[in-house]
All heavy atoms as atom14 arrays in JSON, in Angstrom:
{
  "sequence": "ALLPHPIQYRSPRLSVASLDHAMWFHHPPHCDDWLL",
  "atom14_mask": [
    [1, 1, 1, 1, 1, 0, 0, 0, 0, 0, 0, 0, 0, 0],
    [1, 1, 1, 1, 1, 1, 1, 1, 0, 0, 0, 0, 0, 0],
    [1, 1, 1, 1, 1, 1, 1, 1, 0, 0, 0, 0, 0, 0],
    [1, 1, 1, 1, 1, 1, 1, 0, 0, 0, 0, 0, 0, 0],
    [1, 1, 1, 1, 1, 1, 1, 1, 1, 1, 0, 0, 0, 0],
    [1, 1, 1, 1, 1, 1, 1, 0, 0, 0, 0, 0, 0, 0],
    [1, 1, 1, 1, 1, 1, 1, 1, 0, 0, 0, 0, 0, 0],
    [1, 1, 1, 1, 1, 1, 1, 1, 1, 0, 0, 0, 0, 0],
    [1, 1, 1, 1, 1, 1, 1, 1, 1, 1, 1, 1, 0, 0],
    [1, 1, 1, 1, 1, 1, 1, 1, 1, 1, 1, 0, 0, 0],
    [1, 1, 1, 1, 1, 1, 0, 0, 0, 0, 0, 0, 0, 0],
    [1, 1, 1, 1, 1, 1, 1, 0, 0, 0, 0, 0, 0, 0],
    [1, 1, 1, 1, 1, 1, 1, 1, 1, 1, 1, 0, 0, 0],
    [1, 1, 1, 1, 1, 1, 1, 1, 0, 0, 0, 0, 0, 0],
    [1, 1, 1, 1, 1, 1, 0, 0, 0, 0, 0, 0, 0, 0],
    [1, 1, 1, 1, 1, 1, 1, 0, 0, 0, 0, 0, 0, 0],
    [1, 1, 1, 1, 1, 0, 0, 0, 0, 0, 0, 0, 0, 0],
    [1, 1, 1, 1, 1, 1, 0, 0, 0, 0, 0, 0, 0, 0],
    [1, 1, 1, 1, 1, 1, 1, 1, 0, 0, 0, 0, 0, 0],
    [1, 1, 1, 1, 1, 1, 1, 1, 0, 0, 0, 0, 0, 0],
    [1, 1, 1, 1, 1, 1, 1, 1, 1, 1, 0, 0, 0, 0],
    [1, 1, 1, 1, 1, 0, 0, 0, 0, 0, 0, 0, 0, 0],
    [1, 1, 1, 1, 1, 1, 1, 1, 0, 0, 0, 0, 0, 0],
    [1, 1, 1, 1, 1, 1, 1, 1, 1, 1, 1, 1, 1, 1],
    [1, 1, 1, 1, 1, 1, 1, 1, 1, 1, 1, 0, 0, 0],
    [1, 1, 1, 1, 1, 1, 1, 1, 1, 1, 0, 0, 0, 0],
    [1, 1, 1, 1, 1, 1, 1, 1, 1, 1, 0, 0, 0, 0],
    [1, 1, 1, 1, 1, 1, 1, 0, 0, 0, 0, 0, 0, 0],
    [1, 1, 1, 1, 1, 1, 1, 0, 0, 0, 0, 0, 0, 0],
    [1, 1, 1, 1, 1, 1, 1, 1, 1, 1, 0, 0, 0, 0],
    [1, 1, 1, 1, 1, 1, 0, 0, 0, 0, 0, 0, 0, 0],
    [1, 1, 1, 1, 1, 1, 1, 1, 0, 0, 0, 0, 0, 0],
    [1, 1, 1, 1, 1, 1, 1, 1, 0, 0, 0, 0, 0, 0],
    [1, 1, 1, 1, 1, 1, 1, 1, 1, 1, 1, 1, 1, 1],
    [1, 1, 1, 1, 1, 1, 1, 1, 0, 0, 0, 0, 0, 0],
    [1, 1, 1, 1, 1, 1, 1, 1, 0, 0, 0, 0, 0, 0]
  ],
  "atom14_positions": [
    [[108.99, 70.21, 177.07], [108.58, 71.52, 177.63], [109.81, 72.42, 177.9], [109.62, 73.59, 178.17], [107.78, 71.35, 178.9], [0.0, 0.0, 0.0], [0.0, 0.0, 0.0], [0.0, 0.0, 0.0], [0.0, 0.0, 0.0], [0.0, 0.0, 0.0], [0.0, 0.0, 0.0], [0.0, 0.0, 0.0], [0.0, 0.0, 0.0], [0.0, 0.0, 0.0]],
    [[111.01, 71.87, 177.82], [112.22, 72.68, 178.02], [112.83, 73.15, 176.68], [113.74, 74.01, 176.73], [113.31, 71.86, 178.75], [113.11, 71.6, 180.25], [114.22, 70.69, 180.74], [113.19, 72.95, 180.98], [0.0, 0.0, 0.0], [0.0, 0.0, 0.0], [0.0, 0.0, 0.0], [0.0, 0.0, 0.0], [0.0, 0.0, 0.0], [0.0, 0.0, 0.0]],
    [[112.34, 72.63, 175.56], [112.96, 72.91, 174.3], [113.11, 74.41, 173.95], [114.09, 74.79, 173.35], [112.23, 72.18, 173.18], [112.38, 70.64, 173.18], [111.54, 70.04, 172.08], [113.85, 70.23, 173.03], [0.0, 0.0, 0.0], [0.0, 0.0, 0.0], [0.0, 0.0, 0.0], [0.0, 0.0, 0.0], [0.0, 0.0, 0.0], [0.0, 0.0, 0.0]],
    [[112.15, 75.27, 174.31], [112.34, 76.68, 173.97], [113.39, 77.4, 174.79], [113.72, 78.56, 174.49], [110.95, 77.29, 174.23], [110.0, 76.14, 174.26], [110.81, 75.02, 174.82], [0.0, 0.0, 0.0], [0.0, 0.0, 0.0], [0.0, 0.0, 0.0], [0.0, 0.0, 0.0], [0.0, 0.0, 0.0], [0.0, 0.0, 0.0], [0.0, 0.0, 0.0]],
    [[113.92, 76.74, 175.81], [114.77, 77.43, 176.79], [116.24, 77.01, 176.67], [116.5, 75.83, 176.35], [114.24, 77.14, 178.21], [112.81, 77.48, 178.39], [112.34, 78.78, 178.55], [111.7, 76.69, 178.36], [111.02, 78.79, 178.65], [110.61, 77.53, 178.52], [0.0, 0.0, 0.0], [0.0, 0.0, 0.0], [0.0, 0.0, 0.0], [0.0, 0.0, 0.0]],
    [[117.14, 77.91, 176.97], [118.62, 77.61, 176.81], [119.17, 76.83, 178.0], [120.2, 77.19, 178.53], [119.22, 79.02, 176.69], [118.32, 79.87, 177.54], [116.91, 79.33, 177.31], [0.0, 0.0, 0.0], [0.0, 0.0, 0.0], [0.0, 0.0, 0.0], [0.0, 0.0, 0.0], [0.0, 0.0, 0.0], [0.0, 0.0, 0.0], [0.0, 0.0, 0.0]],
    [[118.5, 75.78, 178.42], [118.97, 74.9, 179.48], [118.53, 73.49, 179.14], [117.43, 73.29, 178.62], [118.43, 75.36, 180.82], [119.06, 74.55, 181.94], [116.9, 75.28, 180.9], [118.84, 75.09, 183.32], [0.0, 0.0, 0.0], [0.0, 0.0, 0.0], [0.0, 0.0, 0.0], [0.0, 0.0, 0.0], [0.0, 0.0, 0.0], [0.0, 0.0, 0.0]],
    [[119.41, 72.53, 179.34], [119.11, 71.19, 178.87], [118.49, 70.33, 180.03], [118.65, 70.64, 181.18], [120.42, 70.54, 178.38], [121.1, 71.31, 177.31], [120.21, 71.61, 176.12], [119.35, 70.83, 175.81], [120.41, 72.76, 175.5], [0.0, 0.0, 0.0], [0.0, 0.0, 0.0], [0.0, 0.0, 0.0], [0.0, 0.0, 0.0], [0.0, 0.0, 0.0]],
    [[117.84, 69.29, 179.55], [117.09, 68.41, 180.49], [118.02, 67.86, 181.57], [117.64, 67.79, 182.73], [116.45, 67.28, 179.68], [115.63, 66.33, 180.51], [114.32, 66.65, 180.82], [116.14, 65.12, 180.96], [113.54, 65.83, 181.6], [115.37, 64.28, 181.74], [114.04, 64.62, 182.03], [113.31, 63.77, 182.77], [0.0, 0.0, 0.0], [0.0, 0.0, 0.0]],
    [[119.21, 67.41, 181.21], [120.09, 66.79, 182.18], [121.11, 67.74, 182.75], [122.16, 67.38, 183.27], [120.78, 65.56, 181.55], [119.83, 64.54, 180.99], [120.55, 63.33, 180.5], [121.22, 62.62, 181.61], [120.6, 61.69, 182.36], [119.32, 61.44, 182.14], [121.26, 61.11, 183.33], [0.0, 0.0, 0.0], [0.0, 0.0, 0.0], [0.0, 0.0, 0.0]],
    [[120.84, 69.06, 182.65], [121.76, 70.08, 183.12], [121.94, 69.98, 184.63], [120.94, 69.79, 185.36], [121.24, 71.48, 182.76], [121.98, 72.44, 183.42], [0.0, 0.0, 0.0], [0.0, 0.0, 0.0], [0.0, 0.0, 0.0], [0.0, 0.0, 0.0], [0.0, 0.0, 0.0], [0.0, 0.0, 0.0], [0.0, 0.0, 0.0], [0.0, 0.0, 0.0]],
    [[123.15, 70.14, 185.15], [123.34, 70.16, 186.59], [122.72, 71.38, 187.24], [122.63, 71.47, 188.44], [124.86, 70.13, 186.77], [125.39, 70.7, 185.5], [124.41, 70.24, 184.43], [0.0, 0.0, 0.0], [0.0, 0.0, 0.0], [0.0, 0.0, 0.0], [0.0, 0.0, 0.0], [0.0, 0.0, 0.0], [0.0, 0.0, 0.0], [0.0, 0.0, 0.0]],
    [[122.32, 72.36, 186.42], [121.7, 73.58, 186.97], [120.2, 73.45, 187.15], [119.53, 74.4, 187.55], [122.0, 74.76, 186.05], [123.49, 75.07, 185.91], [123.69, 76.33, 185.06], [123.15, 76.17, 183.72], [122.74, 77.17, 182.95], [122.76, 78.42, 183.45], [122.31, 76.99, 181.76], [0.0, 0.0, 0.0], [0.0, 0.0, 0.0], [0.0, 0.0, 0.0]],
    [[119.66, 72.3, 186.81], [118.21, 72.14, 186.85], [117.83, 70.84, 187.5], [118.38, 69.76, 187.21], [117.67, 72.15, 185.39], [116.17, 72.21, 185.21], [115.64, 73.59, 185.65], [115.75, 71.93, 183.8], [0.0, 0.0, 0.0], [0.0, 0.0, 0.0], [0.0, 0.0, 0.0], [0.0, 0.0, 0.0], [0.0, 0.0, 0.0], [0.0, 0.0, 0.0]],
    [[116.89, 70.9, 188.42], [116.33, 69.72, 189.04], [115.01, 69.38, 188.34], [114.12, 70.2, 188.24], [116.06, 69.99, 190.53], [115.47, 68.85, 191.12], [0.0, 0.0, 0.0], [0.0, 0.0, 0.0], [0.0, 0.0, 0.0], [0.0, 0.0, 0.0], [0.0, 0.0, 0.0], [0.0, 0.0, 0.0], [0.0, 0.0, 0.0], [0.0, 0.0, 0.0]],
    [[114.94, 68.16, 187.82], [113.75, 67.72, 187.05], [113.17, 66.5, 187.72], [113.9, 65.55, 188.08], [114.15, 67.4, 185.61], [112.94, 66.92, 184.8], [114.74, 68.62, 184.91], [0.0, 0.0, 0.0], [0.0, 0.0, 0.0], [0.0, 0.0, 0.0], [0.0, 0.0, 0.0], [0.0, 0.0, 0.0], [0.0, 0.0, 0.0], [0.0, 0.0, 0.0]],
    [[111.86, 66.46, 187.82], [111.17, 65.27, 188.38], [109.77, 65.18, 187.8], [109.06, 66.2, 187.69], [111.09, 65.37, 189.92], [0.0, 0.0, 0.0], [0.0, 0.0, 0.0], [0.0, 0.0, 0.0], [0.0, 0.0, 0.0], [0.0, 0.0, 0.0], [0.0, 0.0, 0.0], [0.0, 0.0, 0.0], [0.0, 0.0, 0.0], [0.0, 0.0, 0.0]],
    [[109.39, 63.98, 187.38], [108.02, 63.79, 186.95], [107.06, 63.93, 188.13], [107.33, 63.4, 189.21], [107.87, 62.4, 186.32], [108.75, 62.23, 185.24], [0.0, 0.0, 0.0], [0.0, 0.0, 0.0], [0.0, 0.0, 0.0], [0.0, 0.0, 0.0], [0.0, 0.0, 0.0], [0.0, 0.0, 0.0], [0.0, 0.0, 0.0], [0.0, 0.0, 0.0]],
    [[105.92, 64.6, 187.92], [104.95, 64.83, 188.95], [103.73, 63.89, 188.75], [103.33, 63.19, 189.7], [104.51, 66.28, 188.98], [105.56, 67.28, 189.33], [105.01, 68.72, 189.2], [106.11, 67.08, 190.74], [0.0, 0.0, 0.0], [0.0, 0.0, 0.0], [0.0, 0.0, 0.0], [0.0, 0.0, 0.0], [0.0, 0.0, 0.0], [0.0, 0.0, 0.0]],
    [[103.17, 63.92, 187.57], [102.06, 63.0, 187.29], [102.12, 62.6, 185.83], [102.76, 63.23, 185.0], [100.7, 63.6, 187.68], [100.4, 64.91, 186.95], [101.34, 65.56, 186.47], [99.23, 65.26, 186.83], [0.0, 0.0, 0.0], [0.0, 0.0, 0.0], [0.0, 0.0, 0.0], [0.0, 0.0, 0.0], [0.0, 0.0, 0.0], [0.0, 0.0, 0.0]],
    [[101.41, 61.51, 185.51], [101.52, 60.91, 184.16], [100.16, 60.28, 183.89], [99.67, 59.42, 184.67], [102.61, 59.86, 184.18], [103.01, 59.36, 182.83], [104.08, 59.79, 182.14], [102.44, 58.37, 182.01], [104.23, 59.15, 181.02], [103.22, 58.29, 180.89], [0.0, 0.0, 0.0], [0.0, 0.0, 0.0], [0.0, 0.0, 0.0], [0.0, 0.0, 0.0]],
    [[99.53, 60.67, 182.82], [98.22, 60.13, 182.43], [98.37, 59.51, 181.0], [99.06, 60.08, 180.15], [97.14, 61.21, 182.41], [0.0, 0.0, 0.0], [0.0, 0.0, 0.0], [0.0, 0.0, 0.0], [0.0, 0.0, 0.0], [0.0, 0.0, 0.0], [0.0, 0.0, 0.0], [0.0, 0.0, 0.0], [0.0, 0.0, 0.0], [0.0, 0.0, 0.0]],
    [[97.67, 58.42, 180.82], [97.82, 57.71, 179.54], [96.48, 57.06, 179.18], [95.79, 56.49, 180.03], [98.89, 56.64, 179.7], [99.44, 56.07, 178.42], [101.0, 55.22, 178.78], [101.44, 54.73, 177.1], [0.0, 0.0, 0.0], [0.0, 0.0, 0.0], [0.0, 0.0, 0.0], [0.0, 0.0, 0.0], [0.0, 0.0, 0.0], [0.0, 0.0, 0.0]],
    [[96.14, 57.13, 177.87], [94.94, 56.51, 177.37], [95.36, 55.56, 176.26], [96.05, 55.96, 175.31], [93.96, 57.56, 176.83], [93.39, 58.46, 177.88], [92.21, 58.35, 178.51], [94.04, 59.63, 178.42], [92.05, 59.35, 179.43], [93.15, 60.19, 179.39], [95.24, 60.29, 178.17], [93.46, 61.32, 180.09], [95.53, 61.45, 178.89], [94.65, 61.93, 179.85]],
    [[94.94, 54.29, 176.38], [95.29, 53.24, 175.4], [94.11, 53.12, 174.41], [93.01, 52.76, 174.8], [95.56, 51.93, 176.08], [96.7, 51.99, 177.12], [96.44, 52.28, 178.43], [97.97, 51.75, 176.71], [97.46, 52.32, 179.37], [99.02, 51.77, 177.66], [98.74, 52.08, 178.98], [0.0, 0.0, 0.0], [0.0, 0.0, 0.0], [0.0, 0.0, 0.0]],
    [[94.42, 53.37, 173.13], [93.37, 53.3, 172.12], [93.3, 51.99, 171.37], [92.26, 51.54, 170.93], [93.51, 54.47, 171.14], [93.7, 55.8, 171.8], [92.77, 56.31, 172.72], [94.7, 56.74, 171.7], [93.2, 57.49, 173.12], [94.34, 57.74, 172.54], [0.0, 0.0, 0.0], [0.0, 0.0, 0.0], [0.0, 0.0, 0.0], [0.0, 0.0, 0.0]],
    [[94.47, 51.4, 171.15], [94.59, 50.11, 170.44], [95.69, 49.27, 171.08], [96.63, 49.85, 171.64], [94.9, 50.31, 168.96], [93.8, 51.01, 168.16], [92.64, 50.37, 167.82], [93.72, 52.28, 167.7], [91.89, 51.21, 167.15], [92.51, 52.37, 167.1], [0.0, 0.0, 0.0], [0.0, 0.0, 0.0], [0.0, 0.0, 0.0], [0.0, 0.0, 0.0]],
    [[95.59, 47.95, 170.97], [96.68, 47.12, 171.53], [98.02, 47.41, 170.87], [98.12, 47.48, 169.65], [96.23, 45.68, 171.25], [94.74, 45.8, 171.04], [94.52, 47.15, 170.43], [0.0, 0.0, 0.0], [0.0, 0.0, 0.0], [0.0, 0.0, 0.0], [0.0, 0.0, 0.0], [0.0, 0.0, 0.0], [0.0, 0.0, 0.0], [0.0, 0.0, 0.0]],
    [[99.06, 47.66, 171.66], [100.35, 47.99, 171.07], [101.18, 46.75, 170.78], [100.96, 45.67, 171.29], [101.02, 48.79, 172.18], [100.49, 48.21, 173.44], [99.07, 47.8, 173.12], [0.0, 0.0, 0.0], [0.0, 0.0, 0.0], [0.0, 0.0, 0.0], [0.0, 0.0, 0.0], [0.0, 0.0, 0.0], [0.0, 0.0, 0.0], [0.0, 0.0, 0.0]],
    [[102.2, 46.92, 169.93], [103.2, 45.93, 169.66], [104.53, 46.72, 169.78], [105.01, 47.29, 168.81], [103.05, 45.29, 168.32], [101.79, 44.48, 168.14], [101.68, 43.23, 168.7], [100.61, 44.77, 167.62], [100.47, 42.75, 168.45], [99.78, 43.7, 167.82], [0.0, 0.0, 0.0], [0.0, 0.0, 0.0], [0.0, 0.0, 0.0], [0.0, 0.0, 0.0]],
    [[105.1, 46.69, 170.98], [106.21, 47.58, 171.26], [107.55, 47.15, 170.6], [108.49, 47.95, 170.62], [106.4, 47.68, 172.78], [105.02, 48.48, 173.6], [0.0, 0.0, 0.0], [0.0, 0.0, 0.0], [0.0, 0.0, 0.0], [0.0, 0.0, 0.0], [0.0, 0.0, 0.0], [0.0, 0.0, 0.0], [0.0, 0.0, 0.0], [0.0, 0.0, 0.0]],
    [[107.56, 45.94, 170.08], [108.79, 45.54, 169.35], [108.88, 46.2, 167.98], [109.95, 46.2, 167.39], [108.85, 44.02, 169.23], [107.58, 43.46, 168.6], [106.53, 43.64, 169.19], [107.64, 42.9, 167.49], [0.0, 0.0, 0.0], [0.0, 0.0, 0.0], [0.0, 0.0, 0.0], [0.0, 0.0, 0.0], [0.0, 0.0, 0.0], [0.0, 0.0, 0.0]],
    [[107.81, 46.72, 167.47], [107.81, 47.46, 166.21], [107.91, 48.95, 166.49], [107.55, 49.44, 167.59], [106.58, 47.14, 165.34], [106.77, 47.47, 163.89], [107.88, 47.92, 163.52], [105.79, 47.36, 163.12], [0.0, 0.0, 0.0], [0.0, 0.0, 0.0], [0.0, 0.0, 0.0], [0.0, 0.0, 0.0], [0.0, 0.0, 0.0], [0.0, 0.0, 0.0]],
    [[108.41, 49.68, 165.52], [108.62, 51.11, 165.72], [107.31, 51.88, 165.91], [106.29, 51.62, 165.24], [109.35, 51.7, 164.48], [110.75, 51.26, 164.33], [111.21, 50.35, 163.41], [111.87, 51.69, 165.1], [112.58, 50.16, 163.59], [113.01, 50.98, 164.59], [112.03, 52.56, 166.19], [114.3, 51.15, 165.1], [113.32, 52.72, 166.67], [114.44, 52.04, 166.17]],
    [[107.35, 52.77, 166.91], [106.25, 53.72, 167.17], [106.77, 55.11, 167.08], [107.9, 55.39, 167.56], [105.7, 53.48, 168.55], [105.02, 52.08, 168.81], [104.83, 51.89, 170.32], [103.7, 52.0, 168.1], [0.0, 0.0, 0.0], [0.0, 0.0, 0.0], [0.0, 0.0, 0.0], [0.0, 0.0, 0.0], [0.0, 0.0, 0.0], [0.0, 0.0, 0.0]],
    [[106.04, 56.02, 166.48], [106.43, 57.43, 166.44], [105.85, 58.11, 167.65], [104.66, 58.08, 167.92], [105.9, 58.12, 165.14], [106.33, 59.56, 165.05], [107.81, 59.68, 164.71], [105.5, 60.33, 164.03], [0.0, 0.0, 0.0], [0.0, 0.0, 0.0], [0.0, 0.0, 0.0], [0.0, 0.0, 0.0], [0.0, 0.0, 0.0], [0.0, 0.0, 0.0]]
  ]
}
């Protein structure tokens, strides 16, 4: 969500914090193989 803006995620000028996170699992994963 920061990509269009001229400030980076880890910039000392910006405070970033996750607020909420939602996830839906559709199939069993195998995390040792590559996921896009």
